Structures are given as structure tokens and as C-alpha cells.
């Protein structure tokens, strides 16, 4: 993994609300739709969309389109590679 990608992931993970989103996805067995994220976190929908975009841009979560709605899952492979890269620094 390139250091630029490590930096992008670290920045995405440095926000408390993004960690809450990841925790909500993990609590729902790794797959959660956007409306459920809005219901589980005390933030306005536009704020959650902003945080989700940052997580998707960093490839930490993966979007899955179902009709006109999206659900999100955690990119376990990327996080494993990220942790391995950190250990080697």
C-alpha cells in the first residue's frame, strides 16, 4: 500500500462521526443502509452523507446500490492491508 493511500485512510478515520458510522455498520453485521445510519447517529442527513462520501472516497466502506437506495459495507481487505502497512512503518 502506498503512503499516500495510508494518509488518506488515516485522515478519513480521524473523525469521531466517521468512526461512529463504521461502528454502526459493524454492529449491523457489516452492512447498513443510509437511512439506518441516519437513525443510529445523532447527525443531520447532509452531514452523514458528507462523512459517508469521505469514507467511500478512502475506500473504507463500499457502496451497494439497491434500486434507488444505497447500503454500505466495510472494506475488510483494505483495513487489513492498512493495519499491516502501519505495522511495517
PDB file of N, CA and C in Angstrom:
ATOM      1  N   UNK A   1       0.851  -1.173   0.000  1.00  0.00           N
ATOM      2  CA  UNK A   1       0.000   0.000   0.000  1.00  0.00           C
ATOM      3  C   UNK A   1       0.898   1.237   0.000  1.00  0.00           C
ATOM      4  N   UNK A   2       0.573   2.195  -0.856  1.00  0.00           N
ATOM      5  CA  UNK A   2       1.348   3.425  -0.941  1.00  0.00           C
ATOM      6  C   UNK A   2       1.056   4.338   0.253  1.00  0.00           C
ATOM      7  N   UNK A   3       2.043   5.112   0.622  1.00  0.00           N
ATOM      8  CA  UNK A   3       1.892   6.004   1.774  1.00  0.00           C
ATOM      9  C   UNK A   3       0.798   7.045   1.563  1.00  0.00           C
ATOM     10  N   UNK A   4       0.566   7.453   0.330  1.00  0.00           N
ATOM     11  CA  UNK A   4      -0.495   8.425   0.042  1.00  0.00           C
ATOM     12  C   UNK A   4      -1.860   7.838   0.425  1.00  0.00           C
ATOM     13  N   UNK A   5      -2.058   6.554   0.121  1.00  0.00           N
ATOM     14  CA  UNK A   5      -3.320   5.900   0.477  1.00  0.00           C
ATOM     15  C   UNK A   5      -3.420   5.717   1.998  1.00  0.00           C
ATOM     16  N   UNK A   6      -2.305   5.415   2.638  1.00  0.00           N
ATOM     17  CA  UNK A   6      -2.289   5.299   4.106  1.00  0.00           C
ATOM     18  C   UNK A   6      -2.711   6.624   4.726  1.00  0.00           C
ATOM     19  N   UNK A   7      -2.179   7.720   4.187  1.00  0.00           N
ATOM     20  CA  UNK A   7      -2.527   9.047   4.684  1.00  0.00           C
ATOM     21  C   UNK A   7      -4.016   9.352   4.488  1.00  0.00           C
ATOM     22  N   UNK A   8      -4.554   9.006   3.325  1.00  0.00           N
ATOM     23  CA  UNK A   8      -5.969   9.253   3.027  1.00  0.00           C
ATOM     24  C   UNK A   8      -6.876   8.480   3.987  1.00  0.00           C
ATOM     25  N   UNK A   9      -6.521   7.229   4.252  1.00  0.00           N
ATOM     26  CA  UNK A   9      -7.303   6.405   5.179  1.00  0.00           C
ATOM     27  C   UNK A   9      -7.210   6.976   6.592  1.00  0.00           C
ATOM     28  N   UNK A  10      -5.997   7.357   7.004  1.00  0.00           N
ATOM     29  CA  UNK A  10      -5.810   7.916   8.351  1.00  0.00           C
ATOM     30  C   UNK A  10      -6.636   9.177   8.532  1.00  0.00           C
ATOM     31  N   UNK A  11      -6.663  10.041   7.526  1.00  0.00           N
ATOM     32  CA  UNK A  11      -7.464  11.264   7.614  1.00  0.00           C
ATOM     33  C   UNK A  11      -8.950  10.943   7.711  1.00  0.00           C
ATOM     34  N   UNK A  12      -9.398   9.963   6.939  1.00  0.00           N
ATOM     35  CA  UNK A  12     -10.814   9.594   6.981  1.00  0.00           C
ATOM     36  C   UNK A  12     -11.194   9.009   8.337  1.00  0.00           C
ATOM     37  N   UNK A  13     -10.277   8.275   8.940  1.00  0.00           N
ATOM     38  CA  UNK A  13     -10.557   7.650  10.236  1.00  0.00           C
ATOM     39  C   UNK A  13     -10.364   8.603  11.416  1.00  0.00           C
ATOM     40  N   UNK A  14      -9.855   9.797  11.164  1.00  0.00           N
ATOM     41  CA  UNK A  14      -9.561  10.715  12.260  1.00  0.00           C
ATOM     42  C   UNK A  14     -10.774  11.494  12.761  1.00  0.00           C
ATOM     43  N   UNK A  15     -11.935  11.267  12.183  1.00  0.00           N
ATOM     44  CA  UNK A  15     -13.141  11.988  12.582  1.00  0.00           C
ATOM     45  C   UNK A  15     -14.036  11.090  13.445  1.00  0.00           C
ATOM     46  N   UNK A  16     -14.473  11.618  14.570  1.00  0.00           N
ATOM     47  CA  UNK A  16     -15.311  10.870  15.509  1.00  0.00           C
ATOM     48  C   UNK A  16     -16.600  10.364  14.854  1.00  0.00           C
ATOM     49  N   UNK A  17     -17.257  11.203  14.073  1.00  0.00           N
ATOM     50  CA  UNK A  17     -18.516  10.799  13.447  1.00  0.00           C
ATOM     51  C   UNK A  17     -18.318   9.682  12.429  1.00  0.00           C
ATOM     52  N   UNK A  18     -17.204   9.686  11.731  1.00  0.00           N
ATOM     53  CA  UNK A  18     -16.921   8.609  10.776  1.00  0.00           C
ATOM     54  C   UNK A  18     -16.684   7.298  11.507  1.00  0.00           C
ATOM     55  N   UNK A  19     -16.043   7.381  12.659  1.00  0.00           N
ATOM     56  CA  UNK A  19     -15.863   6.173  13.465  1.00  0.00           C
ATOM     57  C   UNK A  19     -17.208   5.648  13.961  1.00  0.00           C
ATOM     58  N   UNK A  20     -18.117   6.560  14.300  1.00  0.00           N
ATOM     59  CA  UNK A  20     -19.465   6.141  14.705  1.00  0.00           C
ATOM     60  C   UNK A  20     -20.196   5.447  13.555  1.00  0.00           C
ATOM     61  N   UNK A  21     -20.015   5.953  12.348  1.00  0.00           N
ATOM     62  CA  UNK A  21     -20.637   5.319  11.174  1.00  0.00           C
ATOM     63  C   UNK A  21     -20.075   3.912  10.989  1.00  0.00           C
ATOM     64  N   UNK A  22     -18.763   3.761  11.096  1.00  0.00           N
ATOM     65  CA  UNK A  22     -18.158   2.426  10.974  1.00  0.00           C
ATOM     66  C   UNK A  22     -18.663   1.488  12.064  1.00  0.00           C
ATOM     67  N   UNK A  23     -18.779   2.020  13.266  1.00  0.00           N
ATOM     68  CA  UNK A  23     -19.283   1.212  14.388  1.00  0.00           C
ATOM     69  C   UNK A  23     -20.726   0.771  14.126  1.00  0.00           C
ATOM     70  N   UNK A  24     -21.551   1.662  13.579  1.00  0.00           N
ATOM     71  CA  UNK A  24     -22.941   1.313  13.264  1.00  0.00           C
ATOM     72  C   UNK A  24     -23.006   0.237  12.184  1.00  0.00           C
ATOM     73  N   UNK A  25     -22.150   0.354  11.173  1.00  0.00           N
ATOM     74  CA  UNK A  25     -22.121  -0.661  10.117  1.00  0.00           C
ATOM     75  C   UNK A  25     -21.682  -1.995  10.697  1.00  0.00           C
ATOM     76  N   UNK A  26     -20.638  -1.988  11.499  1.00  0.00           N
ATOM     77  CA  UNK A  26     -20.138  -3.220  12.118  1.00  0.00           C
ATOM     78  C   UNK A  26     -21.198  -3.859  13.014  1.00  0.00           C
ATOM     79  N   UNK A  27     -21.945  -3.060  13.763  1.00  0.00           N
ATOM     80  CA  UNK A  27     -22.983  -3.572  14.660  1.00  0.00           C
ATOM     81  C   UNK A  27     -24.119  -4.231  13.883  1.00  0.00           C
ATOM     82  N   UNK A  28     -24.269  -3.854  12.639  1.00  0.00           N
ATOM     83  CA  UNK A  28     -25.327  -4.430  11.813  1.00  0.00           C
ATOM     84  C   UNK A  28     -24.760  -5.523  10.901  1.00  0.00           C
ATOM     85  N   UNK A  29     -23.796  -6.256  11.410  1.00  0.00           N
ATOM     86  CA  UNK A  29     -23.166  -7.356  10.692  1.00  0.00           C
ATOM     87  C   UNK A  29     -22.523  -6.913   9.382  1.00  0.00           C
ATOM     88  N   UNK A  30     -21.988  -5.704   9.381  1.00  0.00           N
ATOM     89  CA  UNK A  30     -21.195  -5.239   8.267  1.00  0.00           C
ATOM     90  C   UNK A  30     -21.929  -4.717   7.058  1.00  0.00           C
ATOM     91  N   UNK A  31     -23.239  -4.486   7.157  1.00  0.00           N
ATOM     92  CA  UNK A  31     -23.982  -3.948   6.022  1.00  0.00           C
ATOM     93  C   UNK A  31     -25.139  -3.111   6.553  1.00  0.00           C
ATOM     94  N   UNK A  32     -25.198  -1.842   6.137  1.00  0.00           N
ATOM     95  CA  UNK A  32     -26.215  -0.942   6.667  1.00  0.00           C
ATOM     96  C   UNK A  32     -26.622   0.047   5.598  1.00  0.00           C
ATOM     97  N   UNK A  33     -27.925   0.320   5.505  1.00  0.00           N
ATOM     98  CA  UNK A  33     -28.369   1.307   4.523  1.00  0.00           C
ATOM     99  C   UNK A  33     -28.294   2.710   5.111  1.00  0.00           C
ATOM    100  N   UNK A  34     -28.341   3.681   4.227  1.00  0.00           N
ATOM    101  CA  UNK A  34     -28.126   5.074   4.627  1.00  0.00           C
ATOM    102  C   UNK A  34     -29.160   5.553   5.641  1.00  0.00           C
ATOM    103  N   UNK A  35     -30.412   5.195   5.445  1.00  0.00           N
ATOM    104  CA  UNK A  35     -31.450   5.654   6.379  1.00  0.00           C
ATOM    105  C   UNK A  35     -31.233   5.084   7.778  1.00  0.00           C
ATOM    106  N   UNK A  36     -30.729   3.860   7.871  1.00  0.00           N
ATOM    107  CA  UNK A  36     -30.441   3.266   9.179  1.00  0.00           C
ATOM    108  C   UNK A  36     -29.266   3.980   9.846  1.00  0.00           C
ATOM    109  N   UNK A  37     -28.312   4.424   9.048  1.00  0.00           N
ATOM    110  CA  UNK A  37     -27.187   5.187   9.598  1.00  0.00           C
ATOM    111  C   UNK A  37     -27.703   6.504  10.155  1.00  0.00           C
ATOM    112  N   UNK A  38     -28.589   7.171   9.421  1.00  0.00           N
ATOM    113  CA  UNK A  38     -29.172   8.437   9.878  1.00  0.00           C
ATOM    114  C   UNK A  38     -29.916   8.222  11.191  1.00  0.00           C
ATOM    115  N   UNK A  39     -30.637   7.105  11.309  1.00  0.00           N
ATOM    116  CA  UNK A  39     -31.400   6.815  12.524  1.00  0.00           C
ATOM    117  C   UNK A  39     -30.517   6.453  13.710  1.00  0.00           C
ATOM    118  N   UNK A  40     -29.324   5.930  13.454  1.00  0.00           N
ATOM    119  CA  UNK A  40     -28.487   5.466  14.561  1.00  0.00           C
ATOM    120  C   UNK A  40     -27.485   6.504  15.050  1.00  0.00           C
ATOM    121  N   UNK A  41     -27.291   7.578  14.295  1.00  0.00           N
ATOM    122  CA  UNK A  41     -26.316   8.606  14.667  1.00  0.00           C
ATOM    123  C   UNK A  41     -27.019   9.957  14.750  1.00  0.00           C
ATOM    124  N   UNK A  42     -26.701  10.699  15.775  1.00  0.00           N
ATOM    125  CA  UNK A  42     -27.359  11.983  16.012  1.00  0.00           C
ATOM    126  C   UNK A  42     -26.722  13.092  15.171  1.00  0.00           C
ATOM    127  N   UNK A  43     -26.918  12.986  13.848  1.00  0.00           N
ATOM    128  CA  UNK A  43     -26.441  13.994  12.911  1.00  0.00           C
ATOM    129  C   UNK A  43     -27.499  14.188  11.835  1.00  0.00           C
ATOM    130  N   UNK A  44     -27.490  15.345  11.226  1.00  0.00           N
ATOM    131  CA  UNK A  44     -28.404  15.606  10.116  1.00  0.00           C
ATOM    132  C   UNK A  44     -27.979  14.768   8.914  1.00  0.00           C
ATOM    133  N   UNK A  45     -28.930  14.446   8.072  1.00  0.00           N
ATOM    134  CA  UNK A  45     -28.678  13.609   6.905  1.00  0.00           C
ATOM    135  C   UNK A  45     -27.588  14.183   5.997  1.00  0.00           C
ATOM    136  N   UNK A  46     -27.561  15.491   5.721  1.00  0.00           N
ATOM    137  CA  UNK A  46     -26.475  16.013   4.883  1.00  0.00           C
ATOM    138  C   UNK A  46     -25.085  15.804   5.491  1.00  0.00           C
ATOM    139  N   UNK A  47     -24.988  15.907   6.807  1.00  0.00           N
ATOM    140  CA  UNK A  47     -23.700  15.670   7.474  1.00  0.00           C
ATOM    141  C   UNK A  47     -23.278  14.216   7.343  1.00  0.00           C
ATOM    142  N   UNK A  48     -24.226  13.324   7.509  1.00  0.00           N
ATOM    143  CA  UNK A  48     -23.917  11.900   7.369  1.00  0.00           C
ATOM    144  C   UNK A  48     -23.490  11.600   5.934  1.00  0.00           C
ATOM    145  N   UNK A  49     -24.179  12.189   4.963  1.00  0.00           N
ATOM    146  CA  UNK A  49     -23.794  11.987   3.566  1.00  0.00           C
ATOM    147  C   UNK A  49     -22.367  12.456   3.312  1.00  0.00           C
ATOM    148  N   UNK A  50     -21.994  13.581   3.903  1.00  0.00           N
ATOM    149  CA  UNK A  50     -20.634  14.100   3.772  1.00  0.00           C
ATOM    150  C   UNK A  50     -19.619  13.100   4.331  1.00  0.00           C
ATOM    151  N   UNK A  51     -19.888  12.582   5.519  1.00  0.00           N
ATOM    152  CA  UNK A  51     -18.967  11.639   6.151  1.00  0.00           C
ATOM    153  C   UNK A  51     -18.904  10.324   5.378  1.00  0.00           C
ATOM    154  N   UNK A  52     -20.038   9.870   4.889  1.00  0.00           N
ATOM    155  CA  UNK A  52     -20.060   8.643   4.088  1.00  0.00           C
ATOM    156  C   UNK A  52     -19.223   8.836   2.828  1.00  0.00           C
ATOM    157  N   UNK A  53     -19.344   9.996   2.190  1.00  0.00           N
ATOM    158  CA  UNK A  53     -18.550  10.263   0.987  1.00  0.00           C
ATOM    159  C   UNK A  53     -17.058  10.194   1.290  1.00  0.00           C
ATOM    160  N   UNK A  54     -16.641  10.744   2.405  1.00  0.00           N
ATOM    161  CA  UNK A  54     -15.221  10.687   2.781  1.00  0.00           C
ATOM    162  C   UNK A  54     -14.763   9.243   2.985  1.00  0.00           C
ATOM    163  N   UNK A  55     -15.610   8.429   3.624  1.00  0.00           N
ATOM    164  CA  UNK A  55     -15.266   7.020   3.848  1.00  0.00           C
ATOM    165  C   UNK A  55     -15.238   6.237   2.543  1.00  0.00           C
ATOM    166  N   UNK A  56     -16.172   6.530   1.639  1.00  0.00           N
ATOM    167  CA  UNK A  56     -16.201   5.865   0.333  1.00  0.00           C
ATOM    168  C   UNK A  56     -14.993   6.294  -0.494  1.00  0.00           C
ATOM    169  N   UNK A  57     -14.673   7.586  -0.492  1.00  0.00           N
ATOM    170  CA  UNK A  57     -13.522   8.091  -1.251  1.00  0.00           C
ATOM    171  C   UNK A  57     -12.212   7.455  -0.787  1.00  0.00           C
ATOM    172  N   UNK A  58     -12.134   7.121   0.482  1.00  0.00           N
ATOM    173  CA  UNK A  58     -10.941   6.468   1.020  1.00  0.00           C
ATOM    174  C   UNK A  58     -11.019   4.946   0.878  1.00  0.00           C
ATOM    175  N   UNK A  59     -12.096   4.444   0.281  1.00  0.00           N
ATOM    176  CA  UNK A  59     -12.341   3.002   0.063  1.00  0.00           C
ATOM    177  C   UNK A  59     -12.526   2.220   1.355  1.00  0.00           C
ATOM    178  N   UNK A  60     -12.807   2.907   2.452  1.00  0.00           N
ATOM    179  CA  UNK A  60     -13.001   2.232   3.734  1.00  0.00           C
ATOM    180  C   UNK A  60     -14.350   1.518   3.768  1.00  0.00           C
ATOM    181  N   UNK A  61     -15.357   2.148   3.184  1.00  0.00           N
ATOM    182  CA  UNK A  61     -16.654   1.475   3.043  1.00  0.00           C
ATOM    183  C   UNK A  61     -16.984   1.378   1.561  1.00  0.00           C
ATOM    184  N   UNK A  62     -17.750   0.355   1.236  1.00  0.00           N
ATOM    185  CA  UNK A  62     -18.129   0.092  -0.146  1.00  0.00           C
ATOM    186  C   UNK A  62     -19.626   0.314  -0.315  1.00  0.00           C
ATOM    187  N   UNK A  63     -20.019   1.102  -1.311  1.00  0.00           N
ATOM    188  CA  UNK A  63     -21.447   1.331  -1.540  1.00  0.00           C
ATOM    189  C   UNK A  63     -22.051   0.201  -2.378  1.00  0.00           C
ATOM    190  N   UNK A  64     -23.286  -0.156  -2.071  1.00  0.00           N
ATOM    191  CA  UNK A  64     -24.028  -1.166  -2.826  1.00  0.00           C
ATOM    192  C   UNK A  64     -25.383  -0.560  -3.168  1.00  0.00           C
ATOM    193  N   UNK A  65     -25.641  -0.391  -4.459  1.00  0.00           N
ATOM    194  CA  UNK A  65     -26.897   0.215  -4.880  1.00  0.00           C
ATOM    195  C   UNK A  65     -27.985  -0.848  -4.958  1.00  0.00           C
ATOM    196  N   UNK A  66     -29.103  -0.543  -4.309  1.00  0.00           N
ATOM    197  CA  UNK A  66     -30.267  -1.430  -4.307  1.00  0.00           C
ATOM    198  C   UNK A  66     -31.464  -0.594  -4.734  1.00  0.00           C
ATOM    199  N   UNK A  67     -31.798  -0.638  -6.025  1.00  0.00           N
ATOM    200  CA  UNK A  67     -32.833   0.244  -6.536  1.00  0.00           C
ATOM    201  C   UNK A  67     -32.308   1.660  -6.535  1.00  0.00           C
ATOM    202  N   UNK A  68     -33.014   2.552  -5.856  1.00  0.00           N
ATOM    203  CA  UNK A  68     -32.504   3.925  -5.763  1.00  0.00           C
ATOM    204  C   UNK A  68     -31.862   4.220  -4.413  1.00  0.00           C
ATOM    205  N   UNK A  69     -31.677   3.188  -3.610  1.00  0.00           N
ATOM    206  CA  UNK A  69     -31.078   3.342  -2.289  1.00  0.00           C
ATOM    207  C   UNK A  69     -29.706   2.681  -2.254  1.00  0.00           C
ATOM    208  N   UNK A  70     -28.894   3.140  -1.314  1.00  0.00           N
ATOM    209  CA  UNK A  70     -27.564   2.579  -1.119  1.00  0.00           C
ATOM    210  C   UNK A  70     -27.455   1.954   0.252  1.00  0.00           C
ATOM    211  N   UNK A  71     -26.691   0.877   0.311  1.00  0.00           N
ATOM    212  CA  UNK A  71     -26.266   0.341   1.600  1.00  0.00           C
ATOM    213  C   UNK A  71     -24.737   0.319   1.558  1.00  0.00           C
ATOM    214  N   UNK A  72     -24.130   0.175   2.717  1.00  0.00           N
ATOM    215  CA  UNK A  72     -22.675   0.276   2.813  1.00  0.00           C
ATOM    216  C   UNK A  72     -22.122  -0.872   3.638  1.00  0.00           C
ATOM    217  N   UNK A  73     -20.975  -1.364   3.206  1.00  0.00           N
ATOM    218  CA  UNK A  73     -20.275  -2.397   3.957  1.00  0.00           C
ATOM    219  C   UNK A  73     -18.829  -1.958   4.150  1.00  0.00           C
ATOM    220  N   UNK A  74     -18.193  -2.537   5.142  1.00  0.00           N
ATOM    221  CA  UNK A  74     -16.808  -2.197   5.442  1.00  0.00           C
ATOM    222  C   UNK A  74     -15.884  -2.988   4.523  1.00  0.00           C
ATOM    223  N   UNK A  75     -14.898  -2.325   3.979  1.00  0.00           N
ATOM    224  CA  UNK A  75     -13.912  -2.954   3.113  1.00  0.00           C
ATOM    225  C   UNK A  75     -12.851  -3.605   4.008  1.00  0.00           C
ATOM    226  N   UNK A  76     -13.130  -4.834   4.424  1.00  0.00           N
ATOM    227  CA  UNK A  76     -12.264  -5.542   5.373  1.00  0.00           C
ATOM    228  C   UNK A  76     -10.862  -5.754   4.808  1.00  0.00           C
ATOM    229  N   UNK A  77     -10.774  -6.066   3.535  1.00  0.00           N
ATOM    230  CA  UNK A  77      -9.473  -6.313   2.917  1.00  0.00           C
ATOM    231  C   UNK A  77      -8.595  -5.066   2.974  1.00  0.00           C
ATOM    232  N   UNK A  78      -9.175  -3.910   2.691  1.00  0.00           N
ATOM    233  CA  UNK A  78      -8.415  -2.664   2.734  1.00  0.00           C
ATOM    234  C   UNK A  78      -7.931  -2.375   4.155  1.00  0.00           C
ATOM    235  N   UNK A  79      -8.809  -2.549   5.137  1.00  0.00           N
ATOM    236  CA  UNK A  79      -8.416  -2.274   6.523  1.00  0.00           C
ATOM    237  C   UNK A  79      -7.328  -3.233   6.996  1.00  0.00           C
ATOM    238  N   UNK A  80      -7.392  -4.501   6.569  1.00  0.00           N
ATOM    239  CA  UNK A  80      -6.336  -5.451   6.922  1.00  0.00           C
ATOM    240  C   UNK A  80      -4.996  -5.018   6.323  1.00  0.00           C
ATOM    241  N   UNK A  81      -5.027  -4.604   5.052  1.00  0.00           N
ATOM    242  CA  UNK A  81      -3.814  -4.134   4.389  1.00  0.00           C
ATOM    243  C   UNK A  81      -3.288  -2.871   5.053  1.00  0.00           C
ATOM    244  N   UNK A  82      -4.191  -1.985   5.425  1.00  0.00           N
ATOM    245  CA  UNK A  82      -3.819  -0.735   6.116  1.00  0.00           C
ATOM    246  C   UNK A  82      -3.102  -1.046   7.428  1.00  0.00           C
ATOM    247  N   UNK A  83      -3.667  -1.937   8.221  1.00  0.00           N
ATOM    248  CA  UNK A  83      -3.044  -2.287   9.503  1.00  0.00           C
ATOM    249  C   UNK A  83      -1.679  -2.954   9.304  1.00  0.00           C
ATOM    250  N   UNK A  84      -1.582  -3.822   8.320  1.00  0.00           N
ATOM    251  CA  UNK A  84      -0.309  -4.473   8.019  1.00  0.00           C
ATOM    252  C   UNK A  84       0.734  -3.432   7.608  1.00  0.00           C
ATOM    253  N   UNK A  85       0.323  -2.481   6.799  1.00  0.00           N
ATOM    254  CA  UNK A  85       1.245  -1.416   6.355  1.00  0.00           C
ATOM    255  C   UNK A  85       1.701  -0.575   7.541  1.00  0.00           C
ATOM    256  N   UNK A  86       0.771  -0.242   8.447  1.00  0.00           N
ATOM    257  CA  UNK A  86       1.159   0.531   9.636  1.00  0.00           C
ATOM    258  C   UNK A  86       2.174  -0.213  10.488  1.00  0.00           C
ATOM    259  N   UNK A  87       2.005  -1.525  10.610  1.00  0.00           N
ATOM    260  CA  UNK A  87       2.926  -2.317  11.417  1.00  0.00           C
ATOM    261  C   UNK A  87       4.328  -2.347  10.821  1.00  0.00           C
ATOM    262  N   UNK A  88       4.403  -2.173   9.507  1.00  0.00           N
ATOM    263  CA  UNK A  88       5.698  -2.227   8.832  1.00  0.00           C
ATOM    264  C   UNK A  88       6.401  -0.871   8.789  1.00  0.00           C
ATOM    265  N   UNK A  89       5.716   0.190   9.191  1.00  0.00           N
ATOM    266  CA  UNK A  89       6.340   1.512   9.150  1.00  0.00           C
ATOM    267  C   UNK A  89       7.423   1.656  10.196  1.00  0.00           C
TER     268      UNK A  89
END
